[in-house]
Amino acid sequence: MAVPSTTTKTTAPAPTTVPPTTTKTTAVAPIAGVKVYQNCKELNADYPHGVGRTGAVDSVKGGGSGVTNFTVNDAVYNANKARDGDGDGIACEKK
């Protein structure tokens, strides 16, 4: 005796709709504990020869030796790079 064939049909569940996630972006806050100086006079009060990023070399117009005794501090430099007028990686350098 033959066994009748039974076919079971399954249906996939209906897809669910997930609302898109939204991300609120805000301005990047300064690094905690890193001071943003208003001008070079303020910065030089704390860093007498300026502050530079790692690997910075003072660029000097007209020859001569550049400032080499500036403080190397990437966080302080990055917070105050607007004070780097000649773009050499050292803010407010002076001998």
C-alpha atoms as a PDB file:
ATOM      1  CA  MET A   1       0.000   0.000   0.000  1.00  0.00           C
ATOM      2  CA  ALA A   2       1.391   3.309  -1.071  1.00  0.00           C
ATOM      3  CA  VAL A   3       1.634   6.114   1.390  1.00  0.00           C
ATOM      4  CA  PRO A   4       0.027   9.284   0.126  1.00  0.00           C
ATOM      5  CA  SER A   5       2.452  12.141  -0.240  1.00  0.00           C
ATOM      6  CA  THR A   6       1.803  15.179   1.870  1.00  0.00           C
ATOM      7  CA  THR A   7       3.313  18.476   1.037  1.00  0.00           C
ATOM      8  CA  THR A   8       3.658  21.050   3.707  1.00  0.00           C
ATOM      9  CA  LYS A   9       3.895  24.593   2.511  1.00  0.00           C
ATOM     10  CA  THR A  10       5.446  27.104   4.868  1.00  0.00           C
ATOM     11  CA  THR A  11       5.292  30.794   4.367  1.00  0.00           C
ATOM     12  CA  ALA A  12       7.894  33.208   5.589  1.00  0.00           C
ATOM     13  CA  PRO A  13       6.769  35.681   8.189  1.00  0.00           C
ATOM     14  CA  ALA A  14       6.018  39.134   6.904  1.00  0.00           C
ATOM     15  CA  PRO A  15       9.038  41.437   7.117  1.00  0.00           C
ATOM     16  CA  THR A  16       8.989  43.907   9.941  1.00  0.00           C
ATOM     17  CA  THR A  17       9.738  47.522   9.354  1.00  0.00           C
ATOM     18  CA  VAL A  18      12.289  49.080  11.636  1.00  0.00           C
ATOM     19  CA  PRO A  19      12.347  52.853  11.732  1.00  0.00           C
ATOM     20  CA  PRO A  20      15.726  54.359  10.833  1.00  0.00           C
ATOM     21  CA  THR A  21      17.851  55.390  13.737  1.00  0.00           C
ATOM     22  CA  THR A  22      18.753  59.009  14.052  1.00  0.00           C
ATOM     23  CA  THR A  23      21.971  60.261  15.500  1.00  0.00           C
ATOM     24  CA  LYS A  24      22.251  63.697  16.948  1.00  0.00           C
ATOM     25  CA  THR A  25      25.604  65.248  16.195  1.00  0.00           C
ATOM     26  CA  THR A  26      27.035  67.998  18.257  1.00  0.00           C
ATOM     27  CA  ALA A  27      30.136  70.115  18.040  1.00  0.00           C
ATOM     28  CA  VAL A  28      33.281  68.455  19.300  1.00  0.00           C
ATOM     29  CA  ALA A  29      34.005  69.635  22.802  1.00  0.00           C
ATOM     30  CA  PRO A  30      37.520  70.642  23.770  1.00  0.00           C
ATOM     31  CA  ILE A  31      39.548  67.948  25.470  1.00  0.00           C
ATOM     32  CA  ALA A  32      38.963  68.141  29.192  1.00  0.00           C
ATOM     33  CA  GLY A  33      41.799  69.863  30.991  1.00  0.00           C
ATOM     34  CA  VAL A  34      43.302  71.413  27.836  1.00  0.00           C
ATOM     35  CA  LYS A  35      43.202  75.187  27.859  1.00  0.00           C
ATOM     36  CA  VAL A  36      42.380  77.182  24.748  1.00  0.00           C
ATOM     37  CA  TYR A  37      44.328  80.436  24.891  1.00  0.00           C
ATOM     38  CA  GLN A  38      42.906  83.673  23.516  1.00  0.00           C
ATOM     39  CA  ASN A  39      46.295  84.923  22.291  1.00  0.00           C
ATOM     40  CA  CYS A  40      50.034  84.217  22.356  1.00  0.00           C
ATOM     41  CA  LYS A  41      50.616  86.430  25.376  1.00  0.00           C
ATOM     42  CA  GLU A  42      48.378  84.112  27.436  1.00  0.00           C
ATOM     43  CA  LEU A  43      49.922  80.952  25.977  1.00  0.00           C
ATOM     44  CA  ASN A  44      53.483  82.220  26.531  1.00  0.00           C
ATOM     45  CA  ALA A  45      52.681  82.878  30.197  1.00  0.00           C
ATOM     46  CA  ASP A  46      52.329  79.080  30.611  1.00  0.00           C
ATOM     47  CA  TYR A  47      54.659  78.004  27.768  1.00  0.00           C
ATOM     48  CA  PRO A  48      57.394  80.690  27.478  1.00  0.00           C
ATOM     49  CA  HIS A  49      58.851  79.335  24.208  1.00  0.00           C
ATOM     50  CA  GLY A  50      55.589  78.160  22.666  1.00  0.00           C
ATOM     51  CA  VAL A  51      53.991  74.751  22.309  1.00  0.00           C
ATOM     52  CA  GLY A  52      54.319  72.392  19.372  1.00  0.00           C
ATOM     53  CA  ARG A  53      53.180  69.057  18.061  1.00  0.00           C
ATOM     54  CA  THR A  54      55.404  66.004  17.950  1.00  0.00           C
ATOM     55  CA  GLY A  55      58.031  66.323  15.214  1.00  0.00           C
ATOM     56  CA  ALA A  56      57.603  70.074  14.674  1.00  0.00           C
ATOM     57  CA  VAL A  57      60.573  72.132  13.518  1.00  0.00           C
ATOM     58  CA  ASP A  58      60.568  75.923  13.710  1.00  0.00           C
ATOM     59  CA  SER A  59      60.676  77.572  10.311  1.00  0.00           C
ATOM     60  CA  VAL A  60      62.879  80.640  10.237  1.00  0.00           C
ATOM     61  CA  LYS A  61      62.777  83.275   7.507  1.00  0.00           C
ATOM     62  CA  GLY A  62      66.123  84.723   6.470  1.00  0.00           C
ATOM     63  CA  GLY A  63      68.264  82.031   8.060  1.00  0.00           C
ATOM     64  CA  GLY A  64      69.293  81.680  11.646  1.00  0.00           C
ATOM     65  CA  SER A  65      68.437  79.037  14.151  1.00  0.00           C
ATOM     66  CA  GLY A  66      64.862  78.328  15.060  1.00  0.00           C
ATOM     67  CA  VAL A  67      63.290  77.827  18.434  1.00  0.00           C
ATOM     68  CA  THR A  68      64.131  74.367  19.755  1.00  0.00           C
ATOM     69  CA  ASN A  69      63.136  74.674  23.396  1.00  0.00           C
ATOM     70  CA  PHE A  70      59.375  74.869  22.915  1.00  0.00           C
ATOM     71  CA  THR A  71      57.138  72.451  24.839  1.00  0.00           C
ATOM     72  CA  VAL A  72      55.964  69.420  22.864  1.00  0.00           C
ATOM     73  CA  ASN A  73      52.336  68.707  23.722  1.00  0.00           C
ATOM     74  CA  ASP A  74      50.024  67.508  20.963  1.00  0.00           C
ATOM     75  CA  ALA A  75      46.805  68.127  22.899  1.00  0.00           C
ATOM     76  CA  VAL A  76      47.669  71.715  23.820  1.00  0.00           C
ATOM     77  CA  TYR A  77      48.954  72.426  20.302  1.00  0.00           C
ATOM     78  CA  ASN A  78      45.816  70.998  18.669  1.00  0.00           C
ATOM     79  CA  ALA A  79      43.590  73.097  20.937  1.00  0.00           C
ATOM     80  CA  ASN A  80      45.586  76.222  20.018  1.00  0.00           C
ATOM     81  CA  LYS A  81      46.776  75.619  16.452  1.00  0.00           C
ATOM     82  CA  ALA A  82      45.054  78.836  15.393  1.00  0.00           C
ATOM     83  CA  ARG A  83      48.021  80.519  17.134  1.00  0.00           C
ATOM     84  CA  ASP A  84      50.476  78.862  14.701  1.00  0.00           C
ATOM     85  CA  GLY A  85      50.789  81.755  12.275  1.00  0.00           C
ATOM     86  CA  ASP A  86      53.460  80.234  10.036  1.00  0.00           C
ATOM     87  CA  GLY A  87      52.055  76.677  10.015  1.00  0.00           C
ATOM     88  CA  ASP A  88      55.256  75.021  11.209  1.00  0.00           C
ATOM     89  CA  GLY A  89      53.597  73.007  13.996  1.00  0.00           C
ATOM     90  CA  ILE A  90      54.603  75.360  16.799  1.00  0.00           C
ATOM     91  CA  ALA A  91      52.166  77.843  18.281  1.00  0.00           C
ATOM     92  CA  CYS A  92      53.474  81.137  19.709  1.00  0.00           C
ATOM     93  CA  GLU A  93      57.158  80.218  19.419  1.00  0.00           C
ATOM     94  CA  LYS A  94      59.708  82.661  20.692  1.00  0.00           C
ATOM     95  CA  LYS A  95      63.285  82.473  21.860  1.00  0.00           C
END
